[in-house]
Amino acid sequence: MSGEPASRSERLTRGFYWGLALFLLTLVVRLIPAWFVGVEAADIEAYHSLGLSVLQGDNIYVHGLFHYSPYSQFLLAWAVRAADATGWRFDFVIKLPSIFADGATSVLLFAFLCRRGVPHPKPLLWSLAWALNPVTILSSAFHGNMMEMLSIFLLAAYVGFELESPDQDLLLPICGLLFGLGIALRPYPVLLLPIFLILRGGRRTLLFSVLALLPAALSSLPYLVYARETFLAGVVGYEGVSDFGWGAVLRGLTYVVHGVKVSSFSGEDADISQRLFLGAYAVFLLGLPLFKDFSLGRALLVPPLLFLALFINGSAQYLIWVLPVALALRDRMSLFYTAVATTAMICFYTIYKPYLLYGESEPLLPDNRIVAVAFTVANVALIVVAIVWISMILREEAPSLRGATERSGLARRLSPGWIRVYIALICVAAGAWLIQLARTARRAWDVVVATLSLQ
């Protein structure tokens, strides 16, 4: 009797030290390059300008550089004040929240896997796959975009639903507020809210969703009242840049064929690919009730993968979206994804923004057509991995869509006749999307011909 508490105490102590070691390791491998790169450019340069604007009491949306809910503007102001108070460079200070979010993600990932009973040493290995992940290191320590902070909020929401706890009535509202902080920082997590509602419906999930929308809504309210036009123009008008994905493939081919660096494409092209993504996302949500009830984690991977596979404008910071939950699921596709995403990122920085990767040091890779070929191939591989990954998830998690005997989700509550009607509805929606895909492909071909011929 007395041995069991001691054994549990030893496990908790050992887990604490492993978690602390993971946290410190995650910080060290990011803080060192963040300090030595020492370049204020791209997103960080914009952050500094916006932070100064906030401290002066300006409307941050008039600059056309801020495209999110107002909540995160205070982090920019904090970074300016903290840099002034400590004497540290602004580019280093602004990276600290993302770096510490990465550290917290490592610890939460390790604790979650241990709590789920994953045998040793797998929790440690999968946590290291985040702590030492090149995609996350490049994003937080080199690029410095604040998107990296979403990792801990995304994982916290997933863990809150998946962990069995007697305090679930308290845990889920806390996770809802944390998820809401993520939405307030960057709007992407809103795409995941319907997944929670469909697969984990109920009063607690509804409360989770309301709390998740609260921070962004409250911070936006004054701007909607007093600066509606500039606020809506800043939030709605952003279409991203073609750094990764299909746009990057075309940029890479143009460099390979003509030696010319194309920076972006028309807003019409971005709108078309955005509609294609939203159409696929809508079809996915329509089929989601037929997923297995315990498929929450795998379902959460589909929206970011659809985005990478279909949208023409992808930035480096978007590449982290899929990783926190994928590593929590111990999905081996995340390792293939990491390999191709890392290659694409390194080639992108080498060609287009070497200062973010090398600072003022001499680049290790040359900016030439050979690297452009690698950049192009890596982006094609990234798209292929996303499509294959989505296909695997749909095949494994939605047996009712395949007509399999295993019943899932809504399929267990409806008669076979109604299930056939519902699947027919999904097929109609998928058919409409395929027509949209064909039209988009035709438009894409025209863009390819025009761009590669430099017309």
Protein backbone atom coordinates (compact mmCIF):
# COMPACT_ATOMS: atom_id res chain seq x y z
CA MET A 1 0.00 0.00 0.00
CA SER A 2 2.75 2.41 0.94
CA GLY A 3 4.83 1.54 -2.12
CA GLU A 4 2.28 2.77 -4.65
CA PRO A 5 2.23 6.46 -3.58
CA ALA A 6 6.04 6.46 -3.57
CA SER A 7 6.10 4.98 -7.06
CA ARG A 8 3.63 7.58 -8.29
CA SER A 9 5.61 10.32 -6.58
CA GLU A 10 8.76 9.14 -8.29
CA ARG A 11 7.04 9.18 -11.66
CA LEU A 12 5.77 12.69 -11.07
CA THR A 13 9.22 13.89 -9.98
CA ARG A 14 10.86 12.27 -12.99
CA GLY A 15 8.22 13.75 -15.28
CA PHE A 16 8.78 17.20 -13.78
CA TYR A 17 12.51 17.09 -14.45
CA TRP A 18 12.02 15.77 -17.96
CA GLY A 19 9.49 18.54 -18.63
CA LEU A 20 11.86 21.17 -17.26
CA ALA A 21 14.69 19.81 -19.39
CA LEU A 22 12.45 19.92 -22.49
CA PHE A 23 11.42 23.49 -21.71
CA LEU A 24 15.01 24.66 -21.29
CA LEU A 25 16.19 22.80 -24.39
CA THR A 26 13.41 24.34 -26.46
CA LEU A 27 14.41 27.79 -25.26
CA VAL A 28 18.17 27.34 -25.75
CA VAL A 29 17.98 26.14 -29.36
CA ARG A 30 15.88 29.21 -30.19
CA LEU A 31 17.34 31.93 -28.00
CA ILE A 32 20.86 31.46 -29.33
CA PRO A 33 20.04 31.99 -33.03
CA ALA A 34 17.47 34.67 -32.15
CA TRP A 35 20.19 36.64 -30.42
CA PHE A 36 22.94 36.19 -33.02
CA VAL A 37 20.91 36.70 -36.22
CA GLY A 38 20.21 40.26 -35.12
CA VAL A 39 18.34 41.67 -38.13
CA GLU A 40 15.28 43.87 -37.96
CA ALA A 41 13.53 43.30 -41.28
CA ALA A 42 10.35 41.95 -42.89
CA ASP A 43 7.67 41.21 -40.23
CA ILE A 44 9.86 42.40 -37.37
CA GLU A 45 10.45 45.76 -39.00
CA ALA A 46 6.68 46.15 -39.42
CA TYR A 47 6.12 45.10 -35.80
CA HIS A 48 8.51 47.79 -34.56
CA SER A 49 6.80 50.48 -36.59
CA LEU A 50 3.36 49.34 -35.45
CA GLY A 51 4.45 49.14 -31.80
CA LEU A 52 5.63 52.74 -31.92
CA SER A 53 2.34 53.71 -33.52
CA VAL A 54 0.37 52.05 -30.71
CA LEU A 55 2.41 53.89 -28.07
CA GLN A 56 1.64 57.16 -29.82
CA GLY A 57 -2.09 56.40 -29.61
CA ASP A 58 -2.59 56.00 -33.36
CA ASN A 59 -5.17 53.83 -35.07
CA ILE A 60 -2.99 50.86 -35.95
CA TYR A 61 -5.09 49.93 -38.98
CA VAL A 62 -4.39 53.10 -40.98
CA HIS A 63 -0.91 51.78 -41.91
CA GLY A 64 -2.27 48.81 -43.87
CA LEU A 65 0.18 46.46 -42.12
CA PHE A 66 -1.98 45.01 -39.36
CA HIS A 67 -4.62 42.47 -40.41
CA TYR A 68 -5.84 40.91 -37.16
CA SER A 69 -8.08 41.70 -34.23
CA PRO A 70 -6.75 44.61 -32.12
CA TYR A 71 -5.75 42.37 -29.21
CA SER A 72 -2.17 41.63 -30.29
CA GLN A 73 -1.23 45.28 -30.84
CA PHE A 74 -0.47 45.51 -27.13
CA LEU A 75 2.22 42.84 -27.46
CA LEU A 76 3.90 45.05 -30.05
CA ALA A 77 3.78 48.01 -27.68
CA TRP A 78 5.11 45.82 -24.85
CA ALA A 79 8.04 44.72 -27.02
CA VAL A 80 9.01 48.34 -27.74
CA ARG A 81 8.85 49.22 -24.05
CA ALA A 82 10.73 46.07 -23.01
CA ALA A 83 13.47 46.69 -25.57
CA ASP A 84 13.88 50.26 -24.33
CA ALA A 85 13.93 49.18 -20.68
CA THR A 86 16.43 46.32 -21.09
CA GLY A 87 18.61 47.71 -23.84
CA TRP A 88 18.04 44.54 -25.85
CA ARG A 89 17.40 44.75 -29.56
CA PHE A 90 13.75 44.91 -30.58
CA ASP A 91 14.15 41.99 -33.00
CA PHE A 92 15.20 39.77 -30.08
CA VAL A 93 12.51 40.95 -27.66
CA ILE A 94 9.64 40.49 -30.11
CA LYS A 95 10.65 36.85 -30.63
CA LEU A 96 10.53 36.01 -26.90
CA PRO A 97 6.74 35.38 -26.62
CA SER A 98 6.89 32.91 -29.52
CA ILE A 99 9.97 31.20 -28.13
CA PHE A 100 8.42 30.78 -24.69
CA ALA A 101 5.20 29.55 -26.33
CA ASP A 102 7.30 26.90 -28.06
CA GLY A 103 8.76 25.90 -24.69
CA ALA A 104 5.30 25.62 -23.14
CA THR A 105 4.16 23.53 -26.11
CA SER A 106 7.01 21.06 -25.56
CA VAL A 107 6.03 20.63 -21.91
CA LEU A 108 2.30 20.30 -22.61
CA LEU A 109 2.95 17.79 -25.38
CA PHE A 110 5.12 15.68 -23.07
CA ALA A 111 2.62 15.86 -20.19
CA PHE A 112 -0.30 14.96 -22.46
CA LEU A 113 1.42 11.90 -23.93
CA CYS A 114 2.47 10.72 -20.47
CA ARG A 115 -1.06 11.22 -19.16
CA ARG A 116 -2.44 9.18 -22.06
CA GLY A 117 -0.24 6.26 -20.98
CA VAL A 118 2.12 6.31 -23.98
CA PRO A 119 5.03 4.05 -23.00
CA HIS A 120 8.46 5.49 -22.29
CA PRO A 121 10.44 6.88 -24.14
CA LYS A 122 7.88 7.81 -26.82
CA PRO A 123 6.50 10.88 -24.98
CA LEU A 124 10.01 12.28 -24.79
CA LEU A 125 10.82 11.50 -28.43
CA TRP A 126 7.63 13.07 -29.80
CA SER A 127 8.13 16.12 -27.57
CA LEU A 128 11.66 16.44 -28.92
CA ALA A 129 10.15 16.33 -32.39
CA TRP A 130 8.60 19.68 -31.47
CA ALA A 131 11.43 21.08 -29.35
CA LEU A 132 14.01 20.44 -32.10
CA ASN A 133 11.66 20.84 -35.05
CA PRO A 134 13.37 22.95 -37.74
CA VAL A 135 10.06 24.40 -38.94
CA THR A 136 9.22 25.81 -35.52
CA ILE A 137 12.80 26.98 -34.90
CA LEU A 138 12.96 28.79 -38.23
CA SER A 139 9.59 30.41 -37.59
CA SER A 140 10.14 31.62 -34.02
CA ALA A 141 13.92 32.18 -33.77
CA PHE A 142 14.71 33.38 -37.30
CA HIS A 143 11.59 34.73 -39.00
CA GLY A 144 10.10 36.10 -35.79
CA ASN A 145 6.46 36.10 -36.81
CA MET A 146 4.01 36.06 -33.90
CA MET A 147 1.99 33.24 -35.49
CA GLU A 148 4.21 30.78 -33.61
CA MET A 149 2.40 31.69 -30.39
CA LEU A 150 -0.68 29.85 -31.66
CA SER A 151 1.00 26.51 -31.04
CA ILE A 152 0.32 26.43 -27.30
CA PHE A 153 -3.27 27.65 -27.68
CA LEU A 154 -4.12 25.10 -30.37
CA LEU A 155 -2.62 22.25 -28.37
CA ALA A 156 -4.26 23.40 -25.13
CA ALA A 157 -7.71 23.33 -26.76
CA TYR A 158 -7.17 19.83 -28.12
CA VAL A 159 -5.80 18.54 -24.81
CA GLY A 160 -8.73 20.08 -22.92
CA PHE A 161 -11.17 17.96 -24.91
CA GLU A 162 -9.13 14.77 -25.00
CA LEU A 163 -8.08 14.44 -21.36
CA GLU A 164 -10.47 12.67 -19.07
CA SER A 165 -10.64 14.76 -15.92
CA PRO A 166 -13.08 15.13 -13.02
CA ASP A 167 -12.58 18.88 -13.39
CA GLN A 168 -13.75 18.95 -17.02
CA ASP A 169 -16.41 21.57 -16.26
CA LEU A 170 -13.61 23.93 -15.19
CA LEU A 171 -10.94 22.76 -17.63
CA LEU A 172 -12.89 23.35 -20.85
CA PRO A 173 -13.78 27.02 -20.12
CA ILE A 174 -10.12 27.69 -19.32
CA CYS A 175 -9.11 26.03 -22.58
CA GLY A 176 -11.80 28.03 -24.37
CA LEU A 177 -10.30 31.29 -23.12
CA LEU A 178 -6.80 30.12 -24.10
CA PHE A 179 -8.08 29.20 -27.54
CA GLY A 180 -9.72 32.62 -27.66
CA LEU A 181 -6.35 34.26 -27.05
CA GLY A 182 -5.09 32.39 -30.09
CA ILE A 183 -8.01 33.65 -32.20
CA ALA A 184 -7.40 37.17 -30.91
CA LEU A 185 -3.75 36.94 -31.96
CA ARG A 186 -4.45 35.50 -35.42
CA PRO A 187 -7.87 34.54 -36.87
CA TYR A 188 -6.89 31.14 -38.31
CA PRO A 189 -8.12 29.04 -35.30
CA VAL A 190 -11.70 30.14 -36.03
CA LEU A 191 -11.69 27.49 -38.79
CA LEU A 192 -11.31 24.82 -36.10
CA LEU A 193 -14.25 25.86 -33.92
CA PRO A 194 -16.92 24.06 -36.02
CA ILE A 195 -14.91 20.84 -35.64
CA PHE A 196 -15.12 21.04 -31.86
CA LEU A 197 -18.84 21.79 -32.06
CA ILE A 198 -19.65 18.95 -34.46
CA LEU A 199 -17.52 16.21 -32.90
CA ARG A 200 -17.82 17.29 -29.27
CA GLY A 201 -21.25 18.91 -29.24
CA GLY A 202 -23.02 19.79 -26.03
CA ARG A 203 -23.39 22.52 -23.46
CA ARG A 204 -19.73 22.52 -22.45
CA THR A 205 -18.57 22.75 -26.06
CA LEU A 206 -20.96 25.61 -26.73
CA LEU A 207 -19.56 27.46 -23.71
CA PHE A 208 -16.04 26.70 -24.97
CA SER A 209 -16.91 28.27 -28.34
CA VAL A 210 -18.47 31.39 -26.83
CA LEU A 211 -15.42 31.97 -24.64
CA ALA A 212 -13.13 31.30 -27.60
CA LEU A 213 -14.73 34.16 -29.54
CA LEU A 214 -14.83 36.55 -26.59
CA PRO A 215 -11.30 38.10 -26.60
CA ALA A 216 -11.33 38.95 -30.31
CA ALA A 217 -14.90 40.24 -30.13
CA LEU A 218 -14.31 42.47 -27.10
CA SER A 219 -11.07 43.95 -28.47
CA SER A 220 -12.72 44.60 -31.86
CA LEU A 221 -15.82 46.32 -30.51
CA PRO A 222 -14.32 49.85 -30.04
CA TYR A 223 -12.88 49.77 -33.56
CA LEU A 224 -16.19 48.64 -35.03
CA VAL A 225 -17.86 51.60 -33.34
CA TYR A 226 -15.28 54.35 -33.88
CA ALA A 227 -13.06 53.24 -36.82
CA ARG A 228 -15.15 50.77 -38.74
CA GLU A 229 -13.85 51.47 -42.26
CA THR A 230 -10.12 51.26 -41.54
CA PHE A 231 -10.64 48.29 -39.20
CA LEU A 232 -12.62 46.23 -41.72
CA ALA A 233 -10.27 47.18 -44.56
CA GLY A 234 -7.29 46.02 -42.52
CA VAL A 235 -8.84 42.77 -41.30
CA VAL A 236 -10.71 41.67 -44.42
CA GLY A 237 -8.35 42.99 -47.08
CA TYR A 238 -5.30 40.81 -46.36
CA GLU A 239 -4.67 38.04 -48.92
CA GLY A 240 -1.20 36.85 -47.94
CA VAL A 241 1.89 36.39 -50.10
CA SER A 242 2.92 33.58 -52.42
CA ASP A 243 5.93 32.32 -50.45
CA PHE A 244 4.78 28.68 -50.20
CA GLY A 245 2.31 26.46 -52.00
CA TRP A 246 1.17 26.71 -55.63
CA GLY A 247 2.24 30.32 -55.92
CA ALA A 248 5.72 29.41 -54.73
CA VAL A 249 5.94 26.61 -57.31
CA LEU A 250 5.26 29.14 -60.06
CA ARG A 251 7.70 31.64 -58.56
CA GLY A 252 10.39 28.97 -58.42
CA LEU A 253 9.77 27.87 -62.02
CA THR A 254 10.00 31.47 -63.24
CA TYR A 255 13.37 31.84 -61.55
CA VAL A 256 14.58 28.51 -62.95
CA VAL A 257 13.45 29.24 -66.52
CA HIS A 258 14.09 32.98 -66.80
CA GLY A 259 16.25 33.88 -63.81
CA VAL A 260 13.56 36.35 -62.73
CA LYS A 261 12.17 36.59 -59.21
CA VAL A 262 8.40 37.07 -59.27
CA SER A 263 7.18 38.55 -56.01
CA SER A 264 3.42 38.02 -56.06
CA PHE A 265 0.31 37.43 -58.15
CA SER A 266 -2.90 39.34 -58.75
CA GLY A 267 -5.55 39.71 -56.11
CA GLU A 268 -8.00 37.95 -58.44
CA ASP A 269 -5.83 34.81 -58.41
CA ALA A 270 -5.72 34.88 -54.62
CA ASP A 271 -9.50 35.31 -54.45
CA ILE A 272 -10.06 32.32 -56.75
CA SER A 273 -7.80 30.03 -54.73
CA GLN A 274 -9.37 31.29 -51.51
CA ARG A 275 -12.84 30.35 -52.77
CA LEU A 276 -11.50 26.94 -53.79
CA PHE A 277 -10.16 26.38 -50.28
CA LEU A 278 -13.36 27.59 -48.61
CA GLY A 279 -15.42 25.32 -50.85
CA ALA A 280 -13.32 22.29 -49.90
CA TYR A 281 -13.53 23.31 -46.23
CA ALA A 282 -17.34 23.51 -46.48
CA VAL A 283 -17.53 20.02 -48.04
CA PHE A 284 -15.28 18.73 -45.26
CA LEU A 285 -17.54 20.21 -42.57
CA LEU A 286 -20.55 18.67 -44.28
CA GLY A 287 -18.94 15.24 -44.08
CA LEU A 288 -17.60 15.72 -40.57
CA PRO A 289 -20.68 14.28 -38.76
CA LEU A 290 -19.82 10.93 -40.35
CA PHE A 291 -16.37 10.89 -38.76
CA LYS A 292 -15.70 8.59 -35.83
CA ASP A 293 -16.56 10.17 -32.51
CA PHE A 294 -12.95 9.91 -31.34
CA SER A 295 -11.50 11.49 -34.51
CA LEU A 296 -11.17 15.01 -33.11
CA GLY A 297 -7.40 15.23 -33.45
CA ARG A 298 -7.25 13.93 -37.00
CA ALA A 299 -10.14 16.18 -38.04
CA LEU A 300 -8.28 19.22 -36.69
CA LEU A 301 -5.46 18.50 -39.14
CA VAL A 302 -7.63 18.76 -42.24
CA PRO A 303 -8.24 22.56 -42.47
CA PRO A 304 -4.54 23.55 -42.35
CA LEU A 305 -3.67 20.77 -44.80
CA LEU A 306 -6.44 21.90 -47.17
CA PHE A 307 -5.10 25.43 -46.92
CA LEU A 308 -1.58 24.32 -47.84
CA ALA A 309 -2.84 22.16 -50.68
CA LEU A 310 -5.22 24.67 -52.30
CA PHE A 311 -4.42 28.27 -51.42
CA ILE A 312 -1.98 30.12 -53.65
CA ASN A 313 -0.69 32.46 -50.94
CA GLY A 314 1.14 30.73 -48.09
CA SER A 315 3.63 32.27 -45.69
CA ALA A 316 6.34 30.57 -43.63
CA GLN A 317 4.47 31.01 -40.35
CA TYR A 318 1.47 29.05 -41.69
CA LEU A 319 3.57 25.90 -41.85
CA ILE A 320 3.39 25.40 -38.06
CA TRP A 321 -0.42 25.15 -37.98
CA VAL A 322 -0.60 21.39 -38.42
CA LEU A 323 2.31 20.38 -36.19
CA PRO A 324 1.17 20.68 -32.52
CA VAL A 325 -1.83 18.36 -32.84
CA ALA A 326 -0.09 16.07 -35.37
CA LEU A 327 2.75 15.44 -32.92
CA ALA A 328 0.28 14.92 -30.08
CA LEU A 329 -1.30 12.22 -32.25
CA ARG A 330 2.16 10.76 -32.95
CA ASP A 331 1.30 10.87 -36.63
CA ARG A 332 4.35 9.83 -38.65
CA MET A 333 3.23 11.92 -41.60
CA SER A 334 4.31 14.89 -39.53
CA LEU A 335 7.92 13.75 -39.94
CA PHE A 336 7.65 13.71 -43.76
CA TYR A 337 5.90 17.05 -43.58
CA THR A 338 8.67 18.51 -41.42
CA ALA A 339 11.35 17.37 -43.86
CA VAL A 340 9.79 18.94 -46.96
CA ALA A 341 8.62 22.08 -45.13
CA THR A 342 12.12 22.65 -43.71
CA THR A 343 13.67 22.27 -47.17
CA ALA A 344 11.17 24.71 -48.66
CA MET A 345 11.79 27.25 -45.88
CA ILE A 346 15.58 27.14 -46.14
CA CYS A 347 15.46 27.52 -49.92
CA PHE A 348 12.91 30.34 -49.66
CA TYR A 349 15.00 32.33 -47.20
CA THR A 350 18.15 31.74 -49.24
CA ILE A 351 16.58 33.09 -52.43
CA TYR A 352 14.24 35.81 -51.21
CA LYS A 353 15.16 36.80 -47.63
CA PRO A 354 18.69 35.58 -46.78
CA TYR A 355 19.06 38.19 -44.04
CA LEU A 356 16.37 36.41 -41.97
CA LEU A 357 18.34 33.17 -42.07
CA TYR A 358 21.94 34.37 -42.00
CA GLY A 359 21.75 37.86 -40.53
CA GLU A 360 24.75 39.80 -41.75
CA SER A 361 26.86 36.65 -42.16
CA GLU A 362 27.81 35.13 -45.48
CA PRO A 363 25.04 32.82 -46.72
CA LEU A 364 25.87 29.12 -46.59
CA LEU A 365 23.80 28.44 -49.72
CA PRO A 366 24.11 30.46 -52.93
CA ASP A 367 21.19 32.29 -54.47
CA ASN A 368 21.07 30.48 -57.81
CA ARG A 369 18.85 28.38 -60.04
CA ILE A 370 19.90 25.12 -58.42
CA VAL A 371 18.46 26.30 -55.10
CA ALA A 372 15.41 27.52 -57.03
CA VAL A 373 14.92 24.00 -58.39
CA ALA A 374 15.11 22.63 -54.84
CA PHE A 375 12.63 25.30 -53.71
CA THR A 376 10.20 24.35 -56.48
CA VAL A 377 10.48 20.61 -55.85
CA ALA A 378 10.09 21.10 -52.08
CA ASN A 379 6.88 23.07 -52.56
CA VAL A 380 5.48 20.44 -54.91
CA ALA A 381 6.38 17.80 -52.31
CA LEU A 382 4.72 19.91 -49.60
CA ILE A 383 1.48 20.02 -51.59
CA VAL A 384 1.65 16.28 -52.33
CA VAL A 385 2.23 15.45 -48.65
CA ALA A 386 -0.77 17.61 -47.68
CA ILE A 387 -3.03 15.89 -50.25
CA VAL A 388 -1.87 12.38 -49.30
CA TRP A 389 -2.27 13.18 -45.61
CA ILE A 390 -5.83 14.43 -46.13
CA SER A 391 -6.67 11.30 -48.12
CA MET A 392 -5.34 9.06 -45.35
CA ILE A 393 -7.39 10.89 -42.73
CA LEU A 394 -10.62 10.70 -44.74
CA ARG A 395 -10.10 7.02 -45.50
CA GLU A 396 -9.38 6.08 -41.87
CA GLU A 397 -11.66 8.41 -39.95
CA ALA A 398 -14.84 8.53 -42.04
CA PRO A 399 -15.78 4.91 -42.81
CA SER A 400 -19.43 5.83 -43.40
CA LEU A 401 -18.40 7.95 -46.37
CA ARG A 402 -16.84 4.86 -47.92
CA GLY A 403 -19.90 2.71 -47.29
CA ALA A 404 -17.95 0.61 -44.77
CA THR A 405 -19.76 -1.52 -42.24
CA GLU A 406 -18.19 0.39 -39.35
CA ARG A 407 -20.65 3.10 -38.27
CA SER A 408 -19.39 6.44 -37.07
CA GLY A 409 -20.74 9.65 -35.55
CA LEU A 410 -24.09 10.61 -37.04
CA ALA A 411 -24.20 7.30 -38.93
CA ARG A 412 -25.01 5.44 -35.71
CA ARG A 413 -28.03 7.63 -35.00
CA LEU A 414 -29.67 7.59 -38.43
CA SER A 415 -31.22 4.81 -40.43
CA PRO A 416 -29.32 3.46 -43.46
CA GLY A 417 -31.78 5.22 -45.74
CA TRP A 418 -31.16 8.64 -44.23
CA ILE A 419 -27.42 7.99 -44.26
CA ARG A 420 -27.60 7.36 -48.00
CA VAL A 421 -29.52 10.61 -48.47
CA TYR A 422 -26.95 12.50 -46.42
CA ILE A 423 -24.03 10.98 -48.34
CA ALA A 424 -25.79 11.88 -51.60
CA LEU A 425 -25.95 15.49 -50.38
CA ILE A 426 -22.23 15.40 -49.67
CA CYS A 427 -21.59 13.98 -53.14
CA VAL A 428 -23.58 16.83 -54.72
CA ALA A 429 -21.54 19.37 -52.75
CA ALA A 430 -18.31 17.60 -53.70
CA GLY A 431 -19.38 17.59 -57.35
CA ALA A 432 -20.01 21.34 -57.26
CA TRP A 433 -16.57 21.78 -55.75
CA LEU A 434 -15.00 19.64 -58.49
CA ILE A 435 -16.56 21.94 -61.08
CA GLN A 436 -15.04 24.86 -59.21
CA LEU A 437 -11.71 23.02 -59.19
CA ALA A 438 -11.84 22.52 -62.97
CA ARG A 439 -12.54 26.22 -63.54
CA THR A 440 -9.74 27.15 -61.18
CA ALA A 441 -7.36 24.79 -62.97
CA ARG A 442 -8.18 26.47 -66.28
CA ARG A 443 -7.49 29.90 -64.78
CA ALA A 444 -4.31 28.56 -63.17
CA TRP A 445 -3.05 27.31 -66.53
CA ASP A 446 -3.51 30.78 -68.03
CA VAL A 447 -1.55 32.27 -65.12
CA VAL A 448 1.23 29.70 -65.59
CA VAL A 449 1.52 30.42 -69.32
CA ALA A 450 1.49 34.19 -68.80
CA THR A 451 3.99 34.10 -65.96
CA LEU A 452 6.47 31.69 -67.52
CA SER A 453 6.37 33.62 -70.80
CA LEU A 454 6.81 36.84 -68.78
CA GLN A 455 3.87 38.49 -70.54
